[in-house]
Structures are given as C-alpha cells and as structure tokens.
Protein backbone atom coordinates (compact mmCIF):
# COMPACT_ATOMS: atom_id res chain seq x y z
CA MET A 1 52.66 166.79 -65.27
CA ILE A 2 50.22 169.28 -66.67
CA ASP A 3 49.67 171.01 -63.64
CA LEU A 4 53.36 171.30 -63.42
CA LYS A 5 53.78 172.60 -67.13
CA LYS A 6 55.92 169.83 -68.15
CA SER A 7 53.42 167.71 -70.41
CA ASN A 8 54.06 167.19 -74.14
CA GLU A 9 51.15 166.67 -76.93
CA ASP A 10 51.34 163.06 -75.90
CA HIS A 11 50.79 163.27 -72.38
CA VAL A 12 47.55 165.36 -72.80
CA THR A 13 46.04 163.44 -75.78
CA LEU A 14 46.26 160.44 -73.56
CA LEU A 15 44.78 162.37 -70.55
CA LEU A 16 42.02 163.54 -73.10
CA CYS A 17 41.20 160.17 -74.02
CA SER A 18 41.68 158.41 -70.52
CA PHE A 19 38.62 160.89 -69.94
CA CYS A 20 36.50 160.11 -72.85
CA LYS A 21 36.84 156.60 -72.50
CA LEU A 22 35.96 156.75 -68.51
CA LYS A 23 33.16 158.42 -69.31
CA GLU A 24 34.04 161.84 -67.59
CA ILE A 25 32.45 164.05 -70.21
CA GLU A 26 32.79 167.04 -67.93
CA LYS A 27 36.15 166.96 -67.09
CA LEU A 28 37.11 167.00 -70.62
CA LYS A 29 34.75 169.61 -71.50
CA SER A 30 36.38 171.57 -68.72
CA PHE A 31 39.94 171.31 -69.84
CA ILE A 32 38.73 171.95 -73.73
CA ASP A 33 36.65 175.36 -72.50
CA ASN A 34 40.18 176.50 -70.59
CA ILE A 35 42.43 175.82 -73.85
CA GLU A 36 43.62 179.42 -74.55
CA ILE A 37 44.20 179.71 -78.52
CA ASP A 38 45.85 182.08 -80.53
CA ASP A 39 44.22 183.57 -84.03
CA SER A 40 45.77 181.11 -86.18
CA ASN A 41 43.60 178.69 -83.67
CA GLU A 42 46.89 176.99 -82.07
CA ILE A 43 46.99 176.38 -78.45
CA ILE A 44 48.95 178.86 -76.64
CA ASN A 45 50.21 177.16 -73.93
CA ASN A 46 52.66 174.03 -75.25
CA TYR A 47 52.00 172.03 -71.90
CA LYS A 48 48.42 171.73 -72.91
CA LYS A 49 48.76 170.82 -76.73
CA PHE A 50 46.83 167.41 -77.54
CA ASP A 51 46.36 165.73 -80.85
CA LEU A 52 42.77 167.31 -81.89
CA TYR A 53 41.84 164.87 -84.29
CA THR A 54 42.72 161.99 -82.33
CA VAL A 55 40.23 163.01 -79.71
CA ILE A 56 37.24 163.82 -82.00
CA ARG A 57 37.46 160.78 -83.31
CA LEU A 58 37.56 158.90 -79.89
CA CYS A 59 34.46 161.26 -79.10
CA ARG A 60 32.52 160.22 -81.91
CA GLU A 61 33.29 156.80 -82.06
CA SER A 62 31.87 157.02 -78.14
CA GLY A 63 28.87 158.77 -79.14
CA TYR A 64 29.70 162.31 -77.94
CA TYR A 65 28.66 164.31 -80.87
CA ARG A 66 27.90 167.60 -79.30
CA LEU A 67 31.53 167.61 -77.45
CA ALA A 68 32.90 166.49 -81.11
CA CYS A 69 31.64 169.72 -82.55
CA LEU A 70 32.38 172.17 -79.87
CA MET A 71 35.59 171.11 -80.08
CA ALA A 72 35.47 171.08 -84.34
CA GLN A 73 34.00 174.78 -83.61
CA LYS A 74 36.86 176.09 -81.05
CA PHE A 75 39.24 175.25 -83.50
CA ASN A 76 37.58 176.22 -86.33
CA ASP A 77 37.30 173.40 -88.52
CA PRO A 78 33.80 173.65 -90.15
CA LEU A 79 34.28 170.46 -92.42
CA ILE A 80 34.37 168.15 -88.99
CA MET A 81 31.68 170.51 -87.88
CA VAL A 82 29.17 169.90 -90.97
CA ASP A 83 30.06 166.36 -91.28
CA ILE A 84 29.04 165.57 -87.61
CA GLN A 85 25.85 167.65 -87.85
CA LEU A 86 24.60 166.37 -91.21
CA ASN A 87 25.35 162.59 -91.22
CA GLU A 88 25.45 161.95 -87.41
CA LEU A 89 23.26 163.82 -85.82
CA ASN A 90 21.16 164.62 -88.52
CA ASN A 91 20.41 168.18 -88.07
CA PRO A 92 20.41 169.66 -91.42
CA GLU A 93 18.69 173.00 -89.84
CA ALA A 94 21.60 173.27 -87.57
CA THR A 95 24.04 172.66 -90.00
CA MET A 96 22.46 175.25 -92.41
CA LYS A 97 22.81 178.14 -89.34
CA TYR A 98 26.48 177.05 -88.69
CA ILE A 99 27.34 177.31 -92.33
CA CYS A 100 25.52 180.71 -92.61
CA SER A 101 28.03 181.92 -89.92
CA LEU A 102 31.18 181.09 -91.96
CA ASN A 103 33.28 183.14 -94.39
CA VAL A 104 32.83 182.41 -97.77
CA ASP A 105 36.16 180.91 -98.18
CA ASP A 106 35.35 178.29 -95.39
CA LEU A 107 31.47 178.04 -96.73
CA LEU A 108 33.06 177.35 -100.19
CA ARG A 109 34.82 174.87 -99.01
CA VAL A 110 31.82 173.25 -96.83
CA LEU A 111 29.75 173.28 -99.89
CA VAL A 112 32.41 171.67 -101.92
CA ASP A 113 32.04 168.68 -99.54
CA ASN A 114 28.32 168.60 -98.89
CA VAL A 115 26.19 170.36 -101.41
CA SER A 116 24.41 167.34 -102.67
CA ILE A 117 23.43 166.40 -98.88
CA LEU A 118 22.26 169.86 -98.37
CA LEU A 119 20.05 169.89 -101.75
CA ASN A 120 18.74 166.70 -100.77
CA LYS A 121 17.70 167.71 -97.14
CA LEU A 122 17.08 171.84 -97.67
CA PRO A 123 16.90 172.44 -101.58
CA ASN A 124 14.88 175.43 -101.22
CA GLU A 125 17.48 177.21 -98.30
CA THR A 126 20.67 175.73 -100.32
CA THR A 127 19.72 176.75 -103.26
CA ALA A 128 18.99 180.31 -102.08
CA LEU A 129 22.57 180.21 -100.53
CA LEU A 130 24.41 178.93 -103.76
CA ILE A 131 22.57 181.88 -105.78
CA ASP A 132 23.96 184.44 -102.61
CA VAL A 133 27.44 183.28 -103.16
CA PHE A 134 27.34 182.91 -106.78
CA THR A 135 26.26 186.33 -107.06
CA GLY A 136 28.31 188.12 -104.78
CA ARG A 137 25.62 188.78 -102.68
CA TYR A 138 26.57 186.24 -99.53
CA LYS A 139 27.06 187.73 -96.17
CA PRO A 140 27.60 185.54 -92.91
CA LYS A 141 23.84 185.76 -91.24
CA PHE A 142 25.22 184.89 -87.99
CA THR A 143 28.13 185.38 -85.36
CA GLN A 144 29.53 182.67 -84.30
CA ASP A 145 29.09 183.67 -80.69
CA SER A 146 25.58 183.62 -81.38
CA LEU A 147 25.29 179.97 -82.16
CA ASN A 148 24.64 178.22 -78.83
CA TYR A 149 26.07 174.60 -80.09
CA ASN A 150 24.62 172.88 -76.73
CA LYS A 151 21.29 173.66 -77.72
CA GLU A 152 21.33 173.11 -81.26
CA LEU A 153 23.05 170.16 -81.53
CA THR A 154 20.58 167.82 -79.46
CA LYS A 155 17.44 168.76 -80.07
CA LYS A 156 15.39 167.75 -83.17
CA LYS A 157 13.79 170.86 -84.77
CA SER A 158 10.15 169.79 -86.15
CA ALA A 159 9.44 173.43 -87.44
CA ALA A 160 10.92 174.71 -90.65
CA SER A 161 14.33 176.07 -90.82
CA GLU A 162 15.23 179.39 -89.32
CA VAL A 163 16.72 180.26 -92.32
CA GLU A 164 15.26 182.75 -94.43
CA ASP A 165 14.61 181.73 -97.69
CA ASN A 166 16.46 184.58 -100.71
CA ASN A 167 14.36 185.66 -103.25
CA ASP A 168 15.98 187.03 -106.61
CA GLU A 169 12.93 190.13 -107.37
CA ASN A 170 10.20 187.41 -105.39
CA HIS A 171 11.46 184.41 -107.43
CA VAL A 172 11.16 181.37 -105.95
CA ILE A 173 14.08 179.00 -106.24
CA GLN A 174 12.33 175.36 -105.95
CA SER A 175 14.66 173.17 -107.35
CA TYR A 176 18.39 172.76 -108.68
CA LYS A 177 17.07 173.26 -112.22
CA ALA A 178 15.62 176.15 -111.26
CA PHE A 179 18.82 177.40 -109.96
CA ALA A 180 21.01 176.57 -112.89
CA SER A 181 18.33 178.65 -115.07
CA PHE A 182 18.75 181.08 -113.21
CA MET A 183 22.46 181.04 -113.38
CA ARG A 184 22.46 181.09 -116.76
CA SER A 185 19.96 184.10 -117.13
CA LYS A 186 22.44 185.78 -115.02
CA VAL A 187 25.23 185.13 -116.98
CA SER A 188 23.69 185.99 -120.29
CA GLN A 189 22.80 189.61 -118.56
CA LEU A 190 26.72 189.69 -117.80
CA ILE A 191 27.79 189.02 -121.26
CA TYR A 192 24.91 191.04 -122.53
CA HIS A 193 26.80 194.42 -120.49
CA GLN A 194 30.01 193.25 -120.95
CA ASP A 195 29.02 193.76 -124.66
CA GLN A 196 27.27 197.25 -124.57
CA GLU A 197 30.21 198.53 -122.54
CA LEU A 198 32.85 197.52 -125.25
CA PHE A 199 30.18 199.31 -127.92
CA SER A 200 30.37 202.52 -126.20
CA ASN A 201 34.03 202.27 -126.18
CA LEU A 202 34.46 201.52 -129.51
CA LEU A 203 32.31 204.43 -130.67
C-alpha cells in the first residue's frame, strides 16, 4: 500500500512496528532515512506518515536505543534524545555535545528537565553552560550535521568530555554554590550599573 501511495498513518506505523518486532532494523532505518520532512519537521508525503512516538517507544522497549535517538534527532525532539542518552545509554558526554548544538529555546527546555542529572554527572561543564545561558553568551558550539550519532551513541568514552570548559576571567567554577555566588555577583554588578545610569540621567 505504501508503494501504491494509498497507506495511512496506521498502516505505516504497523509496518515499522513489525520491522522492529522482527528485528529487521536495517529496513526500519532505511525507511526513516528516506522520509522527507519540511521545515516544521512534518512528513511531506502523507502516505509515509506514522505515529513517531509509538515507534520510538517500541524501539526503546526492544533495546534499539541508537535507532530511537536517530528518529528523535531527525524529527527534532531534543527531550527524547537527551532522555535516551542520559538514562538508557548513560552517555553524559555525548549528551552535553548534543545539547550544545541546540538553539537556546530547545536548550532551556532540556535543562529544565535534566539540569540536576547533568550537574551530578558533569558538574563543571554543566555549570559553565548555565553561566553562558544566563549571561546571554550562549551560542551553539556544534551543528546538527557535525554530530555523528552512529558513533556517539554506541561507545563509552573513557576520556574527559570533549566540551570545553568556559571560564569567566580565568575563574574555574567547581560547584553549583560557586555558580550561585557568581550569578549573585553578576546581578549586583547589573544593579550597580543601572543605578549609576539612573543617577547620571538625574544630573
């Protein structure tokens, strides 16, 4: 029915779930790779549409975490991507590299749900990232195309994180308390400069 372009969402979802159950992963991956999506991450051809989250859930239940990540990345769902990387693949370094490729809106969504885990597993890198975000200096360090998930999501890294630490005037942030202290100093400086500007305007 797909070849005849007469399939609907249920048909395609059933086919992809069957691929997963039958362990025909290459067929499933090939189908996903050949799907065309628009700028809104919607499938262009109606006869290829499927229930993305049902297929991702089945892949996760079957242990096909890499494939689930590839689907989450293709259809731009950072929350699922990070959840799999942190909680099932246990690869915080790859997670950090991935989230540093996100725009600031998606990054904030990810941090809201995962900041405690990231601070626990990568305290220095996460704290430095938070500083960049809250001081307005954050810019994506990687492009989505530069990330090789086939490698990143399957290997365990023994080396230190590839994400470089950010320093503020050579000050190394060692803990969340240090980050909080740093932020308080930044707020104090901002208030001081605002007061100075107000005072100058009154003169």
